[in-house]
């Protein structure tokens, strides 16, 4: 992904979630995706997909059961 595309995507996510602490950074091993960071914590990956000229983005976030609050 180009820097301008990453910047636009980051701005969109910051506005959508109301959190300026969301940051996107390019992945060294893959040019079609970025890492999503909240403060300094890695929370997921966004993949870029282009199909017949249409571009979309897929946000993958793994949540471990052990990180959830206790069951009520």
PDB file of N, CA and C in Angstrom:
ATOM      1  N   UNK A   1       0.841  -1.181   0.000  1.00  0.00           N
ATOM      2  CA  UNK A   1       0.000   0.000   0.000  1.00  0.00           C
ATOM      3  C   UNK A   1       0.886   1.245   0.000  1.00  0.00           C
ATOM      4  N   UNK A   2       0.414   2.247  -0.671  1.00  0.00           N
ATOM      5  CA  UNK A   2       1.123   3.524  -0.733  1.00  0.00           C
ATOM      6  C   UNK A   2       0.901   4.303   0.573  1.00  0.00           C
ATOM      7  N   UNK A   3       1.845   5.202   0.901  1.00  0.00           N
ATOM      8  CA  UNK A   3       1.731   6.007   2.118  1.00  0.00           C
ATOM      9  C   UNK A   3       0.436   6.803   2.154  1.00  0.00           C
ATOM     10  N   UNK A   4       0.041   7.371   1.016  1.00  0.00           N
ATOM     11  CA  UNK A   4      -1.183   8.181   0.983  1.00  0.00           C
ATOM     12  C   UNK A   4      -2.420   7.318   1.266  1.00  0.00           C
ATOM     13  N   UNK A   5      -2.427   6.091   0.774  1.00  0.00           N
ATOM     14  CA  UNK A   5      -3.541   5.180   1.013  1.00  0.00           C
ATOM     15  C   UNK A   5      -3.599   4.790   2.497  1.00  0.00           C
ATOM     16  N   UNK A   6      -2.443   4.514   3.084  1.00  0.00           N
ATOM     17  CA  UNK A   6      -2.376   4.166   4.501  1.00  0.00           C
ATOM     18  C   UNK A   6      -2.866   5.333   5.351  1.00  0.00           C
ATOM     19  N   UNK A   7      -2.465   6.531   5.002  1.00  0.00           N
ATOM     20  CA  UNK A   7      -2.874   7.720   5.736  1.00  0.00           C
ATOM     21  C   UNK A   7      -4.385   7.913   5.676  1.00  0.00           C
ATOM     22  N   UNK A   8      -4.973   7.738   4.509  1.00  0.00           N
ATOM     23  CA  UNK A   8      -6.428   7.876   4.349  1.00  0.00           C
ATOM     24  C   UNK A   8      -7.170   6.826   5.159  1.00  0.00           C
ATOM     25  N   UNK A   9      -6.664   5.610   5.133  1.00  0.00           N
ATOM     26  CA  UNK A   9      -7.283   4.512   5.866  1.00  0.00           C
ATOM     27  C   UNK A   9      -7.178   4.746   7.375  1.00  0.00           C
ATOM     28  N   UNK A  10      -6.028   5.217   7.823  1.00  0.00           N
ATOM     29  CA  UNK A  10      -5.838   5.515   9.242  1.00  0.00           C
ATOM     30  C   UNK A  10      -6.789   6.620   9.686  1.00  0.00           C
ATOM     31  N   UNK A  11      -6.906   7.662   8.899  1.00  0.00           N
ATOM     32  CA  UNK A  11      -7.819   8.761   9.227  1.00  0.00           C
ATOM     33  C   UNK A  11      -9.259   8.259   9.312  1.00  0.00           C
ATOM     34  N   UNK A  12      -9.651   7.411   8.379  1.00  0.00           N
ATOM     35  CA  UNK A  12     -11.006   6.843   8.392  1.00  0.00           C
ATOM     36  C   UNK A  12     -11.260   6.075   9.689  1.00  0.00           C
ATOM     37  N   UNK A  13     -10.315   5.213  10.068  1.00  0.00           N
ATOM     38  CA  UNK A  13     -10.488   4.396  11.267  1.00  0.00           C
ATOM     39  C   UNK A  13     -10.501   5.248  12.527  1.00  0.00           C
ATOM     40  N   UNK A  14      -9.638   6.256  12.594  1.00  0.00           N
ATOM     41  CA  UNK A  14      -9.615   7.141  13.751  1.00  0.00           C
ATOM     42  C   UNK A  14     -10.952   7.864  13.913  1.00  0.00           C
ATOM     43  N   UNK A  15     -11.518   8.302  12.811  1.00  0.00           N
ATOM     44  CA  UNK A  15     -12.813   8.986  12.864  1.00  0.00           C
ATOM     45  C   UNK A  15     -13.943   8.006  13.174  1.00  0.00           C
ATOM     46  N   UNK A  16     -13.923   6.846  12.549  1.00  0.00           N
ATOM     47  CA  UNK A  16     -14.981   5.842  12.733  1.00  0.00           C
ATOM     48  C   UNK A  16     -15.053   5.367  14.178  1.00  0.00           C
ATOM     49  N   UNK A  17     -13.882   5.126  14.804  1.00  0.00           N
ATOM     50  CA  UNK A  17     -13.848   4.618  16.173  1.00  0.00           C
ATOM     51  C   UNK A  17     -13.649   5.723  17.214  1.00  0.00           C
ATOM     52  N   UNK A  18     -13.513   6.979  16.759  1.00  0.00           N
ATOM     53  CA  UNK A  18     -13.354   8.090  17.680  1.00  0.00           C
ATOM     54  C   UNK A  18     -12.111   7.955  18.551  1.00  0.00           C
ATOM     55  N   UNK A  19     -11.025   7.467  17.937  1.00  0.00           N
ATOM     56  CA  UNK A  19      -9.810   7.228  18.712  1.00  0.00           C
ATOM     57  C   UNK A  19      -8.587   7.596  17.877  1.00  0.00           C
ATOM     58  N   UNK A  20      -7.936   8.674  18.256  1.00  0.00           N
ATOM     59  CA  UNK A  20      -6.735   9.131  17.538  1.00  0.00           C
ATOM     60  C   UNK A  20      -5.505   8.295  17.859  1.00  0.00           C
ATOM     61  N   UNK A  21      -5.634   7.321  18.769  1.00  0.00           N
ATOM     62  CA  UNK A  21      -4.502   6.466  19.129  1.00  0.00           C
ATOM     63  C   UNK A  21      -4.349   5.262  18.206  1.00  0.00           C
ATOM     64  N   UNK A  22      -5.257   5.101  17.244  1.00  0.00           N
ATOM     65  CA  UNK A  22      -5.125   4.028  16.245  1.00  0.00           C
ATOM     66  C   UNK A  22      -4.075   4.443  15.223  1.00  0.00           C
ATOM     67  N   UNK A  23      -3.121   3.580  14.979  1.00  0.00           N
ATOM     68  CA  UNK A  23      -2.061   3.850  14.011  1.00  0.00           C
ATOM     69  C   UNK A  23      -1.898   2.654  13.089  1.00  0.00           C
ATOM     70  N   UNK A  24      -1.614   2.934  11.834  1.00  0.00           N
ATOM     71  CA  UNK A  24      -1.336   1.887  10.851  1.00  0.00           C
ATOM     72  C   UNK A  24       0.124   1.964  10.443  1.00  0.00           C
ATOM     73  N   UNK A  25       0.749   0.810  10.323  1.00  0.00           N
ATOM     74  CA  UNK A  25       2.142   0.795   9.872  1.00  0.00           C
ATOM     75  C   UNK A  25       2.326  -0.315   8.847  1.00  0.00           C
ATOM     76  N   UNK A  26       3.080  -0.022   7.795  1.00  0.00           N
ATOM     77  CA  UNK A  26       3.302  -1.015   6.742  1.00  0.00           C
ATOM     78  C   UNK A  26       3.980  -2.267   7.309  1.00  0.00           C
ATOM     79  N   UNK A  27       3.663  -3.393   6.726  1.00  0.00           N
ATOM     80  CA  UNK A  27       4.315  -4.651   7.091  1.00  0.00           C
ATOM     81  C   UNK A  27       5.483  -4.868   6.146  1.00  0.00           C
ATOM     82  N   UNK A  28       6.631  -5.183   6.685  1.00  0.00           N
ATOM     83  CA  UNK A  28       7.830  -5.355   5.868  1.00  0.00           C
ATOM     84  C   UNK A  28       7.722  -6.550   4.938  1.00  0.00           C
ATOM     85  N   UNK A  29       7.065  -7.607   5.405  1.00  0.00           N
ATOM     86  CA  UNK A  29       7.013  -8.840   4.620  1.00  0.00           C
ATOM     87  C   UNK A  29       5.874  -8.890   3.603  1.00  0.00           C
ATOM     88  N   UNK A  30       4.929  -7.930   3.677  1.00  0.00           N
ATOM     89  CA  UNK A  30       3.776  -7.967   2.776  1.00  0.00           C
ATOM     90  C   UNK A  30       3.346  -6.548   2.409  1.00  0.00           C
ATOM     91  N   UNK A  31       3.377  -6.230   1.132  1.00  0.00           N
ATOM     92  CA  UNK A  31       3.023  -4.892   0.678  1.00  0.00           C
ATOM     93  C   UNK A  31       1.538  -4.647   0.540  1.00  0.00           C
ATOM     94  N   UNK A  32       0.734  -5.700   0.713  1.00  0.00           N
ATOM     95  CA  UNK A  32      -0.712  -5.563   0.531  1.00  0.00           C
ATOM     96  C   UNK A  32      -1.455  -5.458   1.858  1.00  0.00           C
ATOM     97  N   UNK A  33      -0.722  -5.182   2.948  1.00  0.00           N
ATOM     98  CA  UNK A  33      -1.369  -5.128   4.256  1.00  0.00           C
ATOM     99  C   UNK A  33      -0.611  -4.197   5.198  1.00  0.00           C
ATOM    100  N   UNK A  34      -1.311  -3.806   6.276  1.00  0.00           N
ATOM    101  CA  UNK A  34      -0.719  -2.953   7.303  1.00  0.00           C
ATOM    102  C   UNK A  34      -1.077  -3.521   8.668  1.00  0.00           C
ATOM    103  N   UNK A  35      -0.225  -3.226   9.656  1.00  0.00           N
ATOM    104  CA  UNK A  35      -0.514  -3.593  11.031  1.00  0.00           C
ATOM    105  C   UNK A  35      -1.327  -2.486  11.680  1.00  0.00           C
ATOM    106  N   UNK A  36      -2.288  -2.867  12.504  1.00  0.00           N
ATOM    107  CA  UNK A  36      -3.111  -1.914  13.237  1.00  0.00           C
ATOM    108  C   UNK A  36      -2.639  -1.920  14.689  1.00  0.00           C
ATOM    109  N   UNK A  37      -2.290  -0.739  15.175  1.00  0.00           N
ATOM    110  CA  UNK A  37      -1.801  -0.585  16.538  1.00  0.00           C
ATOM    111  C   UNK A  37      -2.747   0.339  17.296  1.00  0.00           C
ATOM    112  N   UNK A  38      -3.003   0.005  18.550  1.00  0.00           N
ATOM    113  CA  UNK A  38      -3.763   0.872  19.446  1.00  0.00           C
ATOM    114  C   UNK A  38      -2.813   1.229  20.569  1.00  0.00           C
ATOM    115  N   UNK A  39      -2.449   2.508  20.640  1.00  0.00           N
ATOM    116  CA  UNK A  39      -1.334   2.952  21.470  1.00  0.00           C
ATOM    117  C   UNK A  39      -0.109   2.177  20.987  1.00  0.00           C
ATOM    118  N   UNK A  40       0.504   1.363  21.797  1.00  0.00           N
ATOM    119  CA  UNK A  40       1.655   0.577  21.353  1.00  0.00           C
ATOM    120  C   UNK A  40       1.341  -0.911  21.256  1.00  0.00           C
ATOM    121  N   UNK A  41       0.051  -1.258  21.273  1.00  0.00           N
ATOM    122  CA  UNK A  41      -0.350  -2.661  21.257  1.00  0.00           C
ATOM    123  C   UNK A  41      -0.855  -3.062  19.865  1.00  0.00           C
ATOM    124  N   UNK A  42      -0.282  -4.138  19.338  1.00  0.00           N
ATOM    125  CA  UNK A  42      -0.738  -4.702  18.065  1.00  0.00           C
ATOM    126  C   UNK A  42      -2.127  -5.291  18.270  1.00  0.00           C
ATOM    127  N   UNK A  43      -3.088  -4.880  17.428  1.00  0.00           N
ATOM    128  CA  UNK A  43      -4.444  -5.423  17.570  1.00  0.00           C
ATOM    129  C   UNK A  43      -4.954  -6.135  16.320  1.00  0.00           C
ATOM    130  N   UNK A  44      -4.272  -5.998  15.188  1.00  0.00           N
ATOM    131  CA  UNK A  44      -4.755  -6.679  14.001  1.00  0.00           C
ATOM    132  C   UNK A  44      -4.025  -6.282  12.742  1.00  0.00           C
ATOM    133  N   UNK A  45      -4.548  -6.791  11.632  1.00  0.00           N
ATOM    134  CA  UNK A  45      -3.973  -6.546  10.310  1.00  0.00           C
ATOM    135  C   UNK A  45      -5.096  -6.162   9.357  1.00  0.00           C
ATOM    136  N   UNK A  46      -4.826  -5.192   8.498  1.00  0.00           N
ATOM    137  CA  UNK A  46      -5.764  -4.831   7.432  1.00  0.00           C
ATOM    138  C   UNK A  46      -5.139  -5.252   6.109  1.00  0.00           C
ATOM    139  N   UNK A  47      -5.894  -6.048   5.353  1.00  0.00           N
ATOM    140  CA  UNK A  47      -5.459  -6.508   4.039  1.00  0.00           C
ATOM    141  C   UNK A  47      -6.181  -5.719   2.956  1.00  0.00           C
ATOM    142  N   UNK A  48      -5.458  -5.377   1.914  1.00  0.00           N
ATOM    143  CA  UNK A  48      -6.029  -4.672   0.760  1.00  0.00           C
ATOM    144  C   UNK A  48      -6.377  -5.712  -0.298  1.00  0.00           C
ATOM    145  N   UNK A  49      -7.569  -5.593  -0.869  1.00  0.00           N
ATOM    146  CA  UNK A  49      -7.998  -6.503  -1.924  1.00  0.00           C
ATOM    147  C   UNK A  49      -8.482  -5.690  -3.113  1.00  0.00           C
ATOM    148  N   UNK A  50      -8.014  -6.054  -4.279  1.00  0.00           N
ATOM    149  CA  UNK A  50      -8.473  -5.398  -5.507  1.00  0.00           C
ATOM    150  C   UNK A  50      -9.005  -6.458  -6.447  1.00  0.00           C
ATOM    151  N   UNK A  51     -10.265  -6.294  -6.852  1.00  0.00           N
ATOM    152  CA  UNK A  51     -10.924  -7.252  -7.731  1.00  0.00           C
ATOM    153  C   UNK A  51     -11.656  -6.481  -8.817  1.00  0.00           C
ATOM    154  N   UNK A  52     -11.214  -6.657 -10.048  1.00  0.00           N
ATOM    155  CA  UNK A  52     -11.818  -5.994 -11.202  1.00  0.00           C
ATOM    156  C   UNK A  52     -11.889  -4.484 -11.018  1.00  0.00           C
ATOM    157  N   UNK A  53     -10.836  -3.912 -10.439  1.00  0.00           N
ATOM    158  CA  UNK A  53     -10.764  -2.467 -10.270  1.00  0.00           C
ATOM    159  C   UNK A  53     -11.393  -1.939  -8.995  1.00  0.00           C
ATOM    160  N   UNK A  54     -12.149  -2.777  -8.278  1.00  0.00           N
ATOM    161  CA  UNK A  54     -12.757  -2.368  -7.013  1.00  0.00           C
ATOM    162  C   UNK A  54     -11.811  -2.700  -5.870  1.00  0.00           C
ATOM    163  N   UNK A  55     -11.558  -1.722  -5.002  1.00  0.00           N
ATOM    164  CA  UNK A  55     -10.655  -1.907  -3.868  1.00  0.00           C
ATOM    165  C   UNK A  55     -11.481  -2.011  -2.591  1.00  0.00           C
ATOM    166  N   UNK A  56     -11.119  -2.975  -1.746  1.00  0.00           N
ATOM    167  CA  UNK A  56     -11.738  -3.113  -0.430  1.00  0.00           C
ATOM    168  C   UNK A  56     -10.650  -3.473   0.575  1.00  0.00           C
ATOM    169  N   UNK A  57     -11.006  -3.351   1.857  1.00  0.00           N
ATOM    170  CA  UNK A  57     -10.054  -3.616   2.927  1.00  0.00           C
ATOM    171  C   UNK A  57     -10.697  -4.565   3.925  1.00  0.00           C
ATOM    172  N   UNK A  58      -9.918  -5.530   4.394  1.00  0.00           N
ATOM    173  CA  UNK A  58     -10.402  -6.532   5.337  1.00  0.00           C
ATOM    174  C   UNK A  58      -9.600  -6.403   6.625  1.00  0.00           C
ATOM    175  N   UNK A  59     -10.274  -6.063   7.739  1.00  0.00           N
ATOM    176  CA  UNK A  59      -9.626  -5.884   9.034  1.00  0.00           C
ATOM    177  C   UNK A  59      -9.774  -7.177   9.821  1.00  0.00           C
ATOM    178  N   UNK A  60      -8.657  -7.842  10.106  1.00  0.00           N
ATOM    179  CA  UNK A  60      -8.652  -9.076  10.883  1.00  0.00           C
ATOM    180  C   UNK A  60      -8.087  -8.796  12.268  1.00  0.00           C
ATOM    181  N   UNK A  61      -8.879  -9.138  13.273  1.00  0.00           N
ATOM    182  CA  UNK A  61      -8.460  -8.933  14.662  1.00  0.00           C
ATOM    183  C   UNK A  61      -8.729 -10.210  15.439  1.00  0.00           C
ATOM    184  N   UNK A  62      -7.680 -10.814  15.954  1.00  0.00           N
ATOM    185  CA  UNK A  62      -7.822 -12.014  16.768  1.00  0.00           C
ATOM    186  C   UNK A  62      -8.005 -11.598  18.222  1.00  0.00           C
ATOM    187  N   UNK A  63      -8.980 -12.193  18.884  1.00  0.00           N
ATOM    188  CA  UNK A  63      -9.226 -11.913  20.302  1.00  0.00           C
ATOM    189  C   UNK A  63      -9.110 -13.239  21.047  1.00  0.00           C
ATOM    190  N   UNK A  64      -8.151 -13.296  21.957  1.00  0.00           N
ATOM    191  CA  UNK A  64      -7.951 -14.505  22.743  1.00  0.00           C
ATOM    192  C   UNK A  64      -8.981 -14.574  23.868  1.00  0.00           C
ATOM    193  N   UNK A  65      -9.518 -15.753  24.113  1.00  0.00           N
ATOM    194  CA  UNK A  65     -10.513 -15.938  25.169  1.00  0.00           C
ATOM    195  C   UNK A  65      -9.941 -15.504  26.511  1.00  0.00           C
ATOM    196  N   UNK A  66      -8.654 -15.738  26.711  1.00  0.00           N
ATOM    197  CA  UNK A  66      -8.029 -15.401  27.996  1.00  0.00           C
ATOM    198  C   UNK A  66      -7.962 -13.879  28.226  1.00  0.00           C
ATOM    199  N   UNK A  67      -8.112 -13.083  27.168  1.00  0.00           N
ATOM    200  CA  UNK A  67      -8.108 -11.635  27.300  1.00  0.00           C
ATOM    201  C   UNK A  67      -9.478 -11.036  27.616  1.00  0.00           C
ATOM    202  N   UNK A  68     -10.528 -11.853  27.508  1.00  0.00           N
ATOM    203  CA  UNK A  68     -11.879 -11.366  27.784  1.00  0.00           C
ATOM    204  C   UNK A  68     -12.111 -11.226  29.281  1.00  0.00           C
ATOM    205  N   UNK A  69     -13.040 -10.341  29.678  1.00  0.00           N
ATOM    206  CA  UNK A  69     -13.369 -10.243  31.096  1.00  0.00           C
ATOM    207  C   UNK A  69     -14.056 -11.545  31.550  1.00  0.00           C
ATOM    208  N   UNK A  70     -14.047 -11.808  32.848  1.00  0.00           N
ATOM    209  CA  UNK A  70     -14.690 -13.028  33.353  1.00  0.00           C
ATOM    210  C   UNK A  70     -16.162 -13.071  32.963  1.00  0.00           C
ATOM    211  N   UNK A  71     -16.663 -14.288  32.769  1.00  0.00           N
ATOM    212  CA  UNK A  71     -18.073 -14.473  32.438  1.00  0.00           C
ATOM    213  C   UNK A  71     -18.935 -14.072  33.638  1.00  0.00           C
ATOM    214  N   UNK A  72     -20.074 -13.495  33.337  1.00  0.00           N
ATOM    215  CA  UNK A  72     -20.975 -13.042  34.426  1.00  0.00           C
ATOM    216  C   UNK A  72     -21.776 -14.186  34.987  1.00  0.00           C
TER     217      UNK A  72
END
